[in-house]
Protein backbone atom coordinates (compact mmCIF):
# COMPACT_ATOMS: atom_id res chain seq x y z
CA UNK A 1 16.03 -7.91 -18.32
CA UNK A 2 14.82 -9.23 -14.95
CA UNK A 3 12.61 -6.21 -14.25
CA UNK A 4 10.59 -6.81 -17.44
CA UNK A 5 10.06 -10.46 -16.48
CA UNK A 6 8.91 -9.27 -13.05
CA UNK A 7 6.36 -6.95 -14.67
CA UNK A 8 5.08 -9.80 -16.84
CA UNK A 9 4.64 -12.14 -13.85
CA UNK A 10 2.63 -9.44 -12.08
CA UNK A 11 0.58 -8.90 -15.26
CA UNK A 12 -0.21 -12.63 -15.35
CA UNK A 13 -1.12 -12.59 -11.64
CA UNK A 14 -3.46 -9.61 -12.14
CA UNK A 15 -5.07 -11.24 -15.17
CA UNK A 16 -3.85 -8.98 -17.98
CA UNK A 17 -1.51 -11.59 -19.57
CA UNK A 18 -1.41 -15.41 -19.64
CA UNK A 19 2.25 -16.22 -20.40
CA UNK A 20 5.74 -14.72 -20.56
CA UNK A 21 6.94 -13.14 -23.80
CA UNK A 22 10.15 -15.22 -23.59
CA UNK A 23 11.77 -17.87 -21.40
CA UNK A 24 14.32 -16.39 -18.95
CA UNK A 25 17.68 -18.07 -18.31
CA UNK A 26 18.46 -19.55 -14.88
CA UNK A 27 20.52 -16.58 -13.62
CA UNK A 28 17.84 -14.18 -14.81
CA UNK A 29 15.21 -16.10 -12.86
CA UNK A 30 17.33 -15.62 -9.71
CA UNK A 31 17.45 -11.87 -10.38
CA UNK A 32 13.66 -11.85 -10.86
CA UNK A 33 13.19 -13.55 -7.49
CA UNK A 34 15.50 -11.08 -5.72
CA UNK A 35 13.67 -8.13 -7.28
CA UNK A 36 10.31 -9.61 -6.23
CA UNK A 37 11.61 -9.71 -2.64
CA UNK A 38 12.76 -6.09 -2.89
CA UNK A 39 9.35 -5.02 -4.24
CA UNK A 40 7.33 -7.14 -1.72
CA UNK A 41 5.62 -9.12 -4.51
CA UNK A 42 6.98 -12.65 -3.95
CA UNK A 43 3.45 -13.91 -3.28
CA UNK A 44 1.89 -11.98 -6.17
CA UNK A 45 4.54 -13.22 -8.63
CA UNK A 46 3.92 -16.76 -7.33
CA UNK A 47 0.28 -16.38 -8.44
CA UNK A 48 1.68 -15.57 -11.88
CA UNK A 49 4.03 -18.57 -11.79
CA UNK A 50 1.13 -20.91 -10.98
CA UNK A 51 -0.54 -19.77 -14.21
CA UNK A 52 2.54 -20.23 -16.44
CA UNK A 53 2.73 -22.94 -19.13
CA UNK A 54 4.99 -25.84 -18.01
CA UNK A 55 7.76 -24.84 -20.41
CA UNK A 56 8.11 -21.38 -18.80
CA UNK A 57 8.56 -22.44 -15.16
CA UNK A 58 11.59 -21.27 -13.11
CA UNK A 59 14.40 -23.76 -12.31
CA UNK A 60 13.25 -26.44 -9.87
CA UNK A 61 15.28 -25.39 -6.80
CA UNK A 62 14.26 -21.75 -7.19
CA UNK A 63 10.64 -22.80 -7.68
CA UNK A 64 10.74 -24.74 -4.40
CA UNK A 65 12.11 -21.62 -2.66
CA UNK A 66 9.32 -19.52 -4.19
CA UNK A 67 6.70 -22.03 -3.05
CA UNK A 68 8.15 -22.06 0.47
CA UNK A 69 7.99 -18.29 0.86
CA UNK A 70 4.52 -18.17 -0.70
CA UNK A 71 3.33 -20.70 1.87
CA UNK A 72 4.78 -18.54 4.67
CA UNK A 73 2.86 -15.55 3.28
CA UNK A 74 -0.29 -17.67 3.12
CA UNK A 75 0.14 -18.71 6.77
CA UNK A 76 0.77 -15.12 7.87
CA UNK A 77 -2.38 -13.97 6.09
CA UNK A 78 -4.39 -16.64 7.91
CA UNK A 79 -3.03 -15.34 11.23
CA UNK A 80 -3.79 -11.72 10.29
CA UNK A 81 -7.34 -12.59 9.12
CA UNK A 82 -8.04 -14.21 12.49
CA UNK A 83 -6.65 -11.19 14.33
CA UNK A 84 -8.83 -8.82 12.29
CA UNK A 85 -11.88 -10.93 13.18
CA UNK A 86 -11.03 -10.76 16.90
CA UNK A 87 -10.46 -6.99 16.70
CA UNK A 88 -13.76 -6.43 14.89
CA UNK A 89 -15.66 -8.51 17.44
CA UNK A 90 -14.15 -6.53 20.34
CA UNK A 91 -14.88 -3.10 18.84
CA UNK A 92 -18.39 -4.11 17.74
CA UNK A 93 -19.10 -5.45 21.23
CA UNK A 94 -18.28 -2.05 22.72
CA UNK A 95 -20.06 -0.15 19.92
CA UNK A 96 -16.91 1.68 18.87
CA UNK A 97 -16.92 3.03 15.35
CA UNK A 98 -13.88 1.84 13.37
CA UNK A 99 -12.57 1.03 9.90
CA UNK A 100 -9.89 -1.55 9.11
CA UNK A 101 -7.87 -0.18 6.18
CA UNK A 102 -5.37 -1.46 3.60
CA UNK A 103 -3.87 -4.88 4.39
CA UNK A 104 -6.42 -7.65 4.75
CA UNK A 105 -9.21 -5.54 3.24
CA UNK A 106 -7.23 -4.78 0.07
CA UNK A 107 -6.19 -8.45 -0.11
CA UNK A 108 -9.87 -9.27 -0.66
CA UNK A 109 -9.61 -7.60 -4.09
CA UNK A 110 -7.12 -10.23 -5.30
CA UNK A 111 -8.19 -13.53 -6.86
CA UNK A 112 -5.87 -15.31 -4.41
CA UNK A 113 -5.84 -13.01 -1.40
CA UNK A 114 -3.76 -15.45 0.63
CA UNK A 115 -0.64 -14.64 -1.42
CA UNK A 116 -0.66 -10.87 -1.04
CA UNK A 117 2.24 -10.01 1.27
CA UNK A 118 0.93 -8.24 4.36
CA UNK A 119 2.63 -6.54 7.26
CA UNK A 120 0.72 -5.11 10.20
CA UNK A 121 -2.97 -4.39 10.84
CA UNK A 122 -4.06 -0.78 10.39
CA UNK A 123 -7.40 0.49 11.63
CA UNK A 124 -8.93 3.92 12.03
CA UNK A 125 -10.84 5.24 15.02
CA UNK A 126 -12.36 8.74 14.85
CA UNK A 127 -10.44 11.02 17.18
CA UNK A 128 -13.40 11.49 19.53
CA UNK A 129 -13.51 7.71 20.17
CA UNK A 130 -9.76 7.07 20.28
CA UNK A 131 -9.33 7.16 24.06
CA UNK A 132 -12.28 4.83 24.61
CA UNK A 133 -10.92 2.40 22.02
CA UNK A 134 -7.48 2.56 23.62
CA UNK A 135 -8.87 1.75 27.07
CA UNK A 136 -11.04 -1.11 25.78
CA UNK A 137 -8.23 -2.76 23.81
CA UNK A 138 -5.61 -2.33 26.54
CA UNK A 139 -7.95 -3.78 29.14
CA UNK A 140 -9.28 -6.69 27.05
CA UNK A 141 -5.95 -7.75 25.51
CA UNK A 142 -3.61 -6.69 28.32
CA UNK A 143 -1.45 -4.66 25.96
CA UNK A 144 0.13 -1.23 26.25
CA UNK A 145 -0.22 1.18 23.37
CA UNK A 146 2.75 3.34 22.42
CA UNK A 147 2.22 6.67 20.69
CA UNK A 148 5.90 7.51 20.53
CA UNK A 149 6.45 10.67 18.50
CA UNK A 150 3.55 9.92 16.15
CA UNK A 151 0.81 12.51 15.76
CA UNK A 152 -1.40 10.00 13.95
CA UNK A 153 -1.46 6.58 15.61
CA UNK A 154 -0.72 4.23 18.50
CA UNK A 155 1.39 1.08 18.06
CA UNK A 156 0.90 -2.18 19.94
CA UNK A 157 1.33 -5.94 19.55
CA UNK A 158 -1.18 -8.72 20.15
CA UNK A 159 -0.39 -12.41 19.61
CA UNK A 160 2.80 -11.38 17.86
CA UNK A 161 0.96 -9.19 15.33
CA UNK A 162 1.77 -5.47 15.05
CA UNK A 163 -1.19 -3.08 15.05
CA UNK A 164 -1.46 0.61 14.25
CA UNK A 165 -4.54 2.32 15.65
CA UNK A 166 -4.89 5.54 13.66
CA UNK A 167 -6.82 8.51 14.99
CA UNK A 168 -5.67 10.55 11.97
CA UNK A 169 -5.41 8.69 8.66
CA UNK A 170 -3.74 11.41 6.63
CA UNK A 171 -2.33 14.85 7.32
CA UNK A 172 -2.85 17.67 4.85
CA UNK A 173 -1.50 20.55 6.97
CA UNK A 174 -4.13 22.72 5.26
CA UNK A 175 -7.28 23.53 7.22
CA UNK A 176 -9.72 23.46 4.30
CA UNK A 177 -8.47 20.12 3.03
CA UNK A 178 -8.41 18.67 6.56
CA UNK A 179 -12.10 19.54 6.96
CA UNK A 180 -12.98 18.07 3.57
CA UNK A 181 -11.02 14.89 4.36
CA UNK A 182 -12.75 14.41 7.70
CA UNK A 183 -16.11 14.97 6.05
CA UNK A 184 -15.65 12.27 3.42
CA UNK A 185 -14.12 9.87 5.98
CA UNK A 186 -17.16 10.26 8.23
CA UNK A 187 -19.52 9.44 5.34
CA UNK A 188 -17.39 6.47 4.21
CA UNK A 189 -17.43 4.48 7.46
CA UNK A 190 -20.72 2.61 7.08
CA UNK A 191 -19.35 -0.22 4.95
CA UNK A 192 -18.41 -3.85 5.69
CA UNK A 193 -16.52 -6.65 3.97
CA UNK A 194 -16.27 -10.31 4.88
CA UNK A 195 -12.93 -11.43 6.26
CA UNK A 196 -12.94 -15.05 7.33
CA UNK A 197 -16.40 -15.51 8.85
CA UNK A 198 -16.79 -11.93 10.09
CA UNK A 199 -18.30 -8.79 8.57
CA UNK A 200 -15.55 -6.24 9.24
CA UNK A 201 -16.03 -2.46 9.08
CA UNK A 202 -13.91 -0.56 6.58
CA UNK A 203 -14.14 2.46 4.28
CA UNK A 204 -16.49 2.33 1.30
CA UNK A 205 -14.48 1.35 -1.83
CA UNK A 206 -14.17 4.76 -3.54
CA UNK A 207 -12.79 6.54 -0.46
CA UNK A 208 -10.70 3.50 0.43
CA UNK A 209 -9.12 3.62 -3.05
CA UNK A 210 -8.37 7.30 -2.50
CA UNK A 211 -6.74 6.49 0.84
CA UNK A 212 -4.66 3.62 -0.60
CA UNK A 213 -3.33 6.09 -3.20
CA UNK A 214 -2.66 8.83 -0.61
CA UNK A 215 -0.82 6.36 1.61
CA UNK A 216 1.26 5.19 -1.37
CA UNK A 217 2.11 8.75 -2.39
CA UNK A 218 2.98 9.89 1.12
CA UNK A 219 5.44 7.02 1.64
CA UNK A 220 6.81 7.41 -1.88
CA UNK A 221 7.87 10.94 -0.95
CA UNK A 222 9.02 10.10 2.58
CA UNK A 223 11.09 6.95 1.96
CA UNK A 224 9.99 5.10 -1.19
CA UNK A 225 7.52 2.28 -1.86
CA UNK A 226 7.54 -1.12 -3.55
CA UNK A 227 5.67 -2.38 -6.58
CA UNK A 228 3.19 -4.11 -4.24
CA UNK A 229 1.57 -0.77 -3.39
CA UNK A 230 0.90 -0.21 -7.10
CA UNK A 231 -0.56 -3.72 -7.39
CA UNK A 232 -2.91 -2.85 -4.52
CA UNK A 233 -4.02 0.36 -6.22
CA UNK A 234 -4.56 -1.51 -9.48
CA UNK A 235 -6.78 -4.08 -7.76
CA UNK A 236 -8.75 -1.33 -6.02
CA UNK A 237 -9.35 0.35 -9.39
CA UNK A 238 -10.81 -2.94 -10.68
CA UNK A 239 -13.36 -2.93 -7.82
CA UNK A 240 -16.83 -1.40 -7.88
CA UNK A 241 -15.96 2.25 -7.29
CA UNK A 242 -17.45 5.58 -8.34
CA UNK A 243 -14.82 6.76 -10.82
CA UNK A 244 -16.26 10.24 -11.29
CA UNK A 245 -16.40 10.78 -7.53
CA UNK A 246 -12.81 9.62 -7.16
CA UNK A 247 -11.69 12.01 -9.90
CA UNK A 248 -13.50 14.85 -8.11
CA UNK A 249 -11.73 14.04 -4.84
CA UNK A 250 -8.33 13.97 -6.59
CA UNK A 251 -9.07 17.33 -8.22
CA UNK A 252 -10.25 18.90 -4.95
CA UNK A 253 -7.20 17.67 -3.05
CA UNK A 254 -4.76 18.77 -5.78
CA UNK A 255 -3.67 15.18 -6.39
CA UNK A 256 -4.79 14.68 -10.00
CA UNK A 257 -1.31 15.04 -11.53
CA UNK A 258 0.23 12.66 -8.98
CA UNK A 259 -2.45 10.05 -9.60
CA UNK A 260 -2.00 10.31 -13.37
CA UNK A 261 1.75 9.70 -13.02
CA UNK A 262 1.08 6.63 -10.87
CA UNK A 263 -1.37 5.36 -13.49
CA UNK A 264 1.53 5.27 -15.96
CA UNK A 265 3.02 2.43 -13.87
CA UNK A 266 -0.34 0.72 -13.40
CA UNK A 267 -1.41 1.07 -17.02
CA UNK A 268 1.84 0.59 -18.96
CA UNK A 269 3.99 -1.57 -16.65
CA UNK A 270 1.31 -3.67 -14.92
CA UNK A 271 -0.99 -3.40 -17.98
CA UNK A 272 -4.23 -2.80 -16.13
CA UNK A 273 -6.87 -2.59 -18.91
CA UNK A 274 -7.75 0.96 -19.96
CA UNK A 275 -11.39 0.66 -18.85
CA UNK A 276 -10.20 0.59 -15.23
CA UNK A 277 -7.91 3.63 -15.47
CA UNK A 278 -9.27 7.04 -14.52
CA UNK A 279 -7.33 8.97 -17.16
CA UNK A 280 -5.66 8.61 -20.55
CA UNK A 281 -1.90 8.47 -20.11
CA UNK A 282 -0.14 11.53 -21.59
CA UNK A 283 3.51 12.26 -22.30
CA UNK A 284 3.89 14.32 -19.10
CA UNK A 285 2.37 11.45 -17.08
CA UNK A 286 4.97 9.08 -18.54
CA UNK A 287 7.78 11.53 -17.80
CA UNK A 288 6.90 11.83 -14.11
CA UNK A 289 5.80 8.19 -13.95
CA UNK A 290 9.31 7.15 -14.95
CA UNK A 291 10.72 9.33 -12.15
CA UNK A 292 8.43 7.54 -9.69
CA UNK A 293 9.42 4.17 -11.11
CA UNK A 294 13.11 5.04 -10.66
CA UNK A 295 12.44 5.61 -6.95
CA UNK A 296 10.43 2.37 -6.68
CA UNK A 297 13.13 0.25 -8.33
CA UNK A 298 15.99 1.91 -6.42
CA UNK A 299 14.50 2.21 -2.93
CA UNK A 300 12.28 -0.91 -2.87
CA UNK A 301 9.50 -1.65 -0.41
CA UNK A 302 9.13 1.19 2.11
CA UNK A 303 12.57 2.53 1.16
CA UNK A 304 14.47 -0.33 2.83
CA UNK A 305 17.12 -0.58 0.11
CA UNK A 306 20.17 1.44 -0.96
CA UNK A 307 20.64 3.19 2.37
CA UNK A 308 23.84 3.59 4.34
CA UNK A 309 23.87 0.55 6.61
CA UNK A 310 24.41 1.09 10.30
CA UNK A 311 24.00 4.84 10.37
CA UNK A 312 22.30 6.09 13.53
CA UNK A 313 21.47 9.33 15.27
CA UNK A 314 22.22 12.55 13.44
CA UNK A 315 23.80 10.87 10.39
CA UNK A 316 20.68 8.74 9.90
CA UNK A 317 18.42 11.80 10.23
CA UNK A 318 20.51 13.74 7.72
CA UNK A 319 20.39 10.85 5.24
CA UNK A 320 16.60 10.48 5.66
CA UNK A 321 16.08 14.22 5.23
CA UNK A 322 18.21 14.14 2.08
CA UNK A 323 16.09 11.33 0.60
CA UNK A 324 12.86 13.21 1.33
CA UNK A 325 14.19 16.45 -0.12
CA UNK A 326 15.34 14.64 -3.26
CA UNK A 327 11.88 13.12 -3.73
CA UNK A 328 10.20 16.47 -3.02
CA UNK A 329 12.24 18.18 -5.73
CA UNK A 330 11.80 15.41 -8.32
CA UNK A 331 8.03 15.26 -7.90
CA UNK A 332 7.15 18.81 -6.78
CA UNK A 333 5.07 19.62 -9.88
CA UNK A 334 2.74 16.69 -9.24
CA UNK A 335 1.21 18.20 -6.09
CA UNK A 336 2.82 21.58 -5.26
CA UNK A 337 0.21 22.61 -2.68
CA UNK A 338 0.62 19.36 -0.71
CA UNK A 339 4.42 19.48 -0.92
CA UNK A 340 4.56 23.12 0.18
CA UNK A 341 2.28 22.50 3.18
CA UNK A 342 4.21 19.37 4.18
CA UNK A 343 7.58 21.06 3.86
CA UNK A 344 6.38 24.09 5.84
CA UNK A 345 5.13 21.76 8.60
CA UNK A 346 8.46 19.91 8.74
CA UNK A 347 10.49 23.11 8.88
CA UNK A 348 8.27 25.29 11.08
CA UNK A 349 5.78 22.91 12.67
């Protein structure tokens, strides 16, 4: 089955295996490649392919295609790294507090960061500094930021790269949890990692791991996510984090059950070694983990697959609402307080 081969390639890339359990046929290799595209892990699976014994390599023409796409990902990451360096220099120059999140920072956790498929550049500015940051960036780069209907971020493009400047990283729609979230964010912002030749501000690793999970879970419910998001979380769990502190945050936010279900995928499908997992995987974690995996395999990266093509306006909104409601109902038990607050906000505001 192509999906199992995909899992094994990711396991090899992440360092938990060193070869495939069997040699796939040519048609199966093509299915593996298509699924890797759907799950946004073409680059990650290429890392695995590079480590394969010669007798387990894909067919030559498909291998050349894989190499070509991997090189495109590598080039895009070089562009994004340079953009992050320029952004950091500009914000540091104007003494604006910021934190670059996900993307190029998470890529640093991989052995071959250049092959992690990236999209845009996300960075966080505390709400009290957001207007200053907006003015500085618009003036220096001659861009216009668009807030649209977002209550959390501005969008803009610079040198062909899409940016999201967040002034709210996550919405709880519960006052007590909002206060707690802002408190830990504030404490987590005095941390830097090297990207290219620049020390770039980000969140300290434990809180950043929490945010990577929250972002994954939010989009899982809203539209669906790809396997790449689980690879990112797995690599963050391998980093130097405070596991007990992370478990406390998950408990306080009511996200422990959801995290445990996601660890089923990370622990049993990606085979992250047990010493990196926060929890032992139980039967109930597997049961809900399989429900999550069904969504991942069906919807693909950011829910781009298995939708009605061409639907717009009201029909598109109805379809999107139906997907969200379906995910809410399937996964309600994992975080009932979060789901109830989110649903109330969507219905009442």
